[in-house]
Amino acid sequence: MRTTLDLDPDILQVAKEIAAKERCSAGAVLSKLARAGYQARSSDAAAVDGAELRNGVLMLPKRGELVTLNHVQKLMDEEGI
């Protein structure tokens, strides 16, 4: 499929260099990299066994208690942070 994309010059240059080494088009390289990134993200989400992944951070399971600033500060004091 043909489309127009606005890429940063450094990204386009890297894609062209990889394409030259692999003897394919820059579009094929970018498609391959995008697909690999998407699949990695999908497998990361699947690898956490149903735990929620929010903004790339694994959310801890709910424990039925409210975590307050005092609770965090106490833990930080105990850990010497």
N, C-alpha and C. Protein backbone atom coordinates (compact mmCIF):
# COMPACT_ATOMS: atom_id res chain seq x y z
N MET A 1 0.85 -1.17 0.00
CA MET A 1 0.00 0.00 0.00
C MET A 1 0.90 1.24 0.00
N ARG A 2 0.55 2.20 -0.78
CA ARG A 2 1.30 3.44 -0.85
C ARG A 2 0.64 4.49 0.01
N THR A 3 1.46 5.18 0.81
CA THR A 3 0.96 6.27 1.65
C THR A 3 2.10 7.25 1.90
N THR A 4 1.77 8.40 2.42
CA THR A 4 2.78 9.41 2.72
C THR A 4 2.94 9.51 4.23
N LEU A 5 4.18 9.44 4.68
CA LEU A 5 4.48 9.56 6.10
C LEU A 5 5.49 10.67 6.31
N ASP A 6 5.42 11.32 7.43
CA ASP A 6 6.38 12.36 7.80
C ASP A 6 7.32 11.76 8.84
N LEU A 7 8.52 11.37 8.40
CA LEU A 7 9.49 10.72 9.28
C LEU A 7 10.61 11.68 9.64
N ASP A 8 11.17 11.49 10.83
CA ASP A 8 12.36 12.24 11.19
C ASP A 8 13.50 11.81 10.28
N PRO A 9 14.35 12.75 9.87
CA PRO A 9 15.43 12.41 8.93
C PRO A 9 16.36 11.29 9.40
N ASP A 10 16.65 11.24 10.70
CA ASP A 10 17.55 10.20 11.20
C ASP A 10 16.91 8.81 11.10
N ILE A 11 15.61 8.74 11.30
CA ILE A 11 14.90 7.46 11.20
C ILE A 11 14.88 6.99 9.76
N LEU A 12 14.62 7.90 8.85
CA LEU A 12 14.62 7.55 7.43
C LEU A 12 16.00 7.06 7.00
N GLN A 13 17.04 7.73 7.46
CA GLN A 13 18.40 7.34 7.11
C GLN A 13 18.71 5.93 7.60
N VAL A 14 18.35 5.64 8.85
CA VAL A 14 18.59 4.30 9.40
C VAL A 14 17.81 3.26 8.60
N ALA A 15 16.56 3.56 8.28
CA ALA A 15 15.75 2.62 7.50
C ALA A 15 16.38 2.36 6.13
N LYS A 16 16.90 3.40 5.50
CA LYS A 16 17.54 3.23 4.20
C LYS A 16 18.82 2.40 4.31
N GLU A 17 19.58 2.61 5.37
CA GLU A 17 20.81 1.84 5.57
C GLU A 17 20.50 0.36 5.80
N ILE A 18 19.50 0.09 6.61
CA ILE A 18 19.10 -1.30 6.85
C ILE A 18 18.58 -1.92 5.56
N ALA A 19 17.80 -1.16 4.81
CA ALA A 19 17.25 -1.64 3.54
C ALA A 19 18.36 -2.00 2.57
N ALA A 20 19.39 -1.18 2.52
CA ALA A 20 20.51 -1.47 1.62
C ALA A 20 21.21 -2.77 2.02
N LYS A 21 21.40 -2.96 3.33
CA LYS A 21 22.05 -4.18 3.81
C LYS A 21 21.20 -5.42 3.54
N GLU A 22 19.88 -5.27 3.71
CA GLU A 22 18.97 -6.41 3.55
C GLU A 22 18.43 -6.54 2.13
N ARG A 23 18.82 -5.60 1.27
CA ARG A 23 18.38 -5.59 -0.13
C ARG A 23 16.86 -5.63 -0.25
N CYS A 24 16.24 -4.67 0.43
CA CYS A 24 14.79 -4.51 0.34
C CYS A 24 14.49 -3.02 0.41
N SER A 25 13.23 -2.67 0.42
CA SER A 25 12.86 -1.25 0.46
C SER A 25 12.84 -0.72 1.89
N ALA A 26 12.97 0.59 2.00
CA ALA A 26 12.87 1.24 3.31
C ALA A 26 11.48 1.00 3.90
N GLY A 27 10.47 0.99 3.06
CA GLY A 27 9.11 0.72 3.52
C GLY A 27 8.98 -0.66 4.15
N ALA A 28 9.64 -1.65 3.52
CA ALA A 28 9.61 -3.01 4.07
C ALA A 28 10.31 -3.06 5.42
N VAL A 29 11.42 -2.33 5.53
CA VAL A 29 12.15 -2.28 6.81
C VAL A 29 11.28 -1.65 7.88
N LEU A 30 10.66 -0.51 7.57
CA LEU A 30 9.82 0.18 8.56
C LEU A 30 8.62 -0.67 8.95
N SER A 31 8.04 -1.38 7.98
CA SER A 31 6.92 -2.27 8.30
C SER A 31 7.36 -3.38 9.25
N LYS A 32 8.53 -3.96 8.96
CA LYS A 32 9.06 -5.03 9.80
C LYS A 32 9.33 -4.54 11.22
N LEU A 33 9.93 -3.36 11.34
CA LEU A 33 10.24 -2.81 12.66
C LEU A 33 8.97 -2.44 13.44
N ALA A 34 8.00 -1.86 12.75
CA ALA A 34 6.74 -1.51 13.40
C ALA A 34 6.02 -2.76 13.88
N ARG A 35 6.01 -3.80 13.04
CA ARG A 35 5.35 -5.05 13.42
C ARG A 35 6.05 -5.68 14.62
N ALA A 36 7.38 -5.68 14.63
CA ALA A 36 8.14 -6.25 15.75
C ALA A 36 7.85 -5.47 17.04
N GLY A 37 7.78 -4.16 16.95
CA GLY A 37 7.47 -3.34 18.13
C GLY A 37 6.08 -3.62 18.65
N TYR A 38 5.12 -3.75 17.74
CA TYR A 38 3.75 -4.03 18.14
C TYR A 38 3.64 -5.41 18.78
N GLN A 39 4.29 -6.40 18.18
CA GLN A 39 4.22 -7.76 18.72
C GLN A 39 4.91 -7.85 20.07
N ALA A 40 6.01 -7.12 20.25
CA ALA A 40 6.70 -7.12 21.54
C ALA A 40 5.81 -6.53 22.61
N ARG A 41 5.13 -5.44 22.28
CA ARG A 41 4.23 -4.81 23.24
C ARG A 41 3.08 -5.74 23.59
N SER A 42 2.53 -6.42 22.58
CA SER A 42 1.43 -7.35 22.81
C SER A 42 1.88 -8.52 23.66
N SER A 43 3.09 -9.03 23.41
CA SER A 43 3.57 -10.17 24.19
C SER A 43 3.91 -9.75 25.61
N ASP A 44 4.36 -8.51 25.81
CA ASP A 44 4.60 -8.01 27.16
C ASP A 44 3.30 -8.01 27.95
N ALA A 45 2.23 -7.56 27.32
CA ALA A 45 0.94 -7.51 28.00
C ALA A 45 0.46 -8.92 28.32
N ALA A 46 0.69 -9.86 27.40
CA ALA A 46 0.24 -11.24 27.61
C ALA A 46 1.11 -11.93 28.65
N ALA A 47 2.36 -11.51 28.78
CA ALA A 47 3.29 -12.19 29.68
C ALA A 47 3.02 -11.91 31.15
N VAL A 48 2.20 -10.93 31.45
CA VAL A 48 1.97 -10.58 32.85
C VAL A 48 0.72 -11.26 33.41
N ASP A 49 0.22 -12.27 32.72
CA ASP A 49 -0.89 -13.09 33.20
C ASP A 49 -2.08 -12.28 33.69
N GLY A 50 -2.60 -11.44 32.85
CA GLY A 50 -3.81 -10.72 33.18
C GLY A 50 -3.61 -9.48 34.03
N ALA A 51 -2.41 -9.23 34.51
CA ALA A 51 -2.15 -8.01 35.27
C ALA A 51 -2.23 -6.82 34.33
N GLU A 52 -2.63 -5.70 34.85
CA GLU A 52 -2.81 -4.51 34.02
C GLU A 52 -1.47 -3.84 33.74
N LEU A 53 -1.27 -3.48 32.48
CA LEU A 53 -0.10 -2.74 32.07
C LEU A 53 -0.58 -1.36 31.66
N ARG A 54 -0.13 -0.33 32.38
CA ARG A 54 -0.58 1.03 32.10
C ARG A 54 0.63 1.91 31.81
N ASN A 55 0.65 2.49 30.61
CA ASN A 55 1.76 3.34 30.18
C ASN A 55 3.10 2.63 30.30
N GLY A 56 3.10 1.34 30.01
CA GLY A 56 4.32 0.56 30.05
C GLY A 56 4.74 0.13 31.45
N VAL A 57 3.92 0.41 32.46
CA VAL A 57 4.25 0.05 33.85
C VAL A 57 3.26 -1.00 34.33
N LEU A 58 3.79 -2.06 34.90
CA LEU A 58 2.95 -3.13 35.43
C LEU A 58 2.29 -2.66 36.72
N MET A 59 0.97 -2.68 36.74
CA MET A 59 0.22 -2.28 37.92
C MET A 59 0.20 -3.45 38.91
N LEU A 60 0.40 -3.14 40.17
CA LEU A 60 0.33 -4.15 41.21
C LEU A 60 -1.13 -4.54 41.44
N PRO A 61 -1.35 -5.79 41.83
CA PRO A 61 -2.74 -6.20 42.07
C PRO A 61 -3.33 -5.46 43.27
N LYS A 62 -4.64 -5.27 43.23
CA LYS A 62 -5.32 -4.62 44.35
C LYS A 62 -5.30 -5.54 45.55
N ARG A 63 -5.06 -4.94 46.73
CA ARG A 63 -4.99 -5.73 47.96
C ARG A 63 -6.10 -5.36 48.93
N GLY A 64 -7.02 -4.54 48.52
CA GLY A 64 -8.14 -4.20 49.38
C GLY A 64 -7.83 -3.15 50.43
N GLU A 65 -6.72 -2.46 50.29
CA GLU A 65 -6.40 -1.40 51.24
C GLU A 65 -5.96 -0.16 50.47
N LEU A 66 -6.19 0.97 51.08
CA LEU A 66 -5.82 2.24 50.48
C LEU A 66 -4.37 2.57 50.83
N VAL A 67 -3.57 2.85 49.82
CA VAL A 67 -2.17 3.22 50.06
C VAL A 67 -2.10 4.74 50.15
N THR A 68 -1.68 5.22 51.30
CA THR A 68 -1.59 6.66 51.53
C THR A 68 -0.15 7.12 51.46
N LEU A 69 0.04 8.43 51.45
CA LEU A 69 1.38 9.00 51.46
C LEU A 69 2.13 8.57 52.71
N ASN A 70 1.44 8.52 53.85
CA ASN A 70 2.07 8.07 55.10
C ASN A 70 2.59 6.64 54.98
N HIS A 71 1.81 5.79 54.32
CA HIS A 71 2.22 4.41 54.11
C HIS A 71 3.49 4.36 53.26
N VAL A 72 3.52 5.13 52.19
CA VAL A 72 4.69 5.18 51.31
C VAL A 72 5.91 5.72 52.06
N GLN A 73 5.72 6.79 52.83
CA GLN A 73 6.84 7.36 53.57
C GLN A 73 7.38 6.39 54.61
N LYS A 74 6.50 5.63 55.26
CA LYS A 74 6.94 4.63 56.23
C LYS A 74 7.79 3.56 55.55
N LEU A 75 7.32 3.08 54.39
CA LEU A 75 8.09 2.08 53.66
C LEU A 75 9.43 2.62 53.20
N MET A 76 9.44 3.89 52.77
CA MET A 76 10.69 4.52 52.33
C MET A 76 11.67 4.63 53.49
N ASP A 77 11.16 4.99 54.68
CA ASP A 77 12.01 5.08 55.86
C ASP A 77 12.59 3.70 56.21
N GLU A 78 11.75 2.66 56.14
CA GLU A 78 12.18 1.31 56.45
C GLU A 78 13.25 0.84 55.47
N GLU A 79 13.13 1.26 54.21
CA GLU A 79 14.07 0.83 53.18
C GLU A 79 15.29 1.75 53.10
N GLY A 80 15.25 2.87 53.82
CA GLY A 80 16.37 3.81 53.78
C GLY A 80 16.45 4.59 52.48
N ILE A 81 15.31 4.84 51.92
CA ILE A 81 15.25 5.58 50.64
C ILE A 81 15.05 7.06 50.90
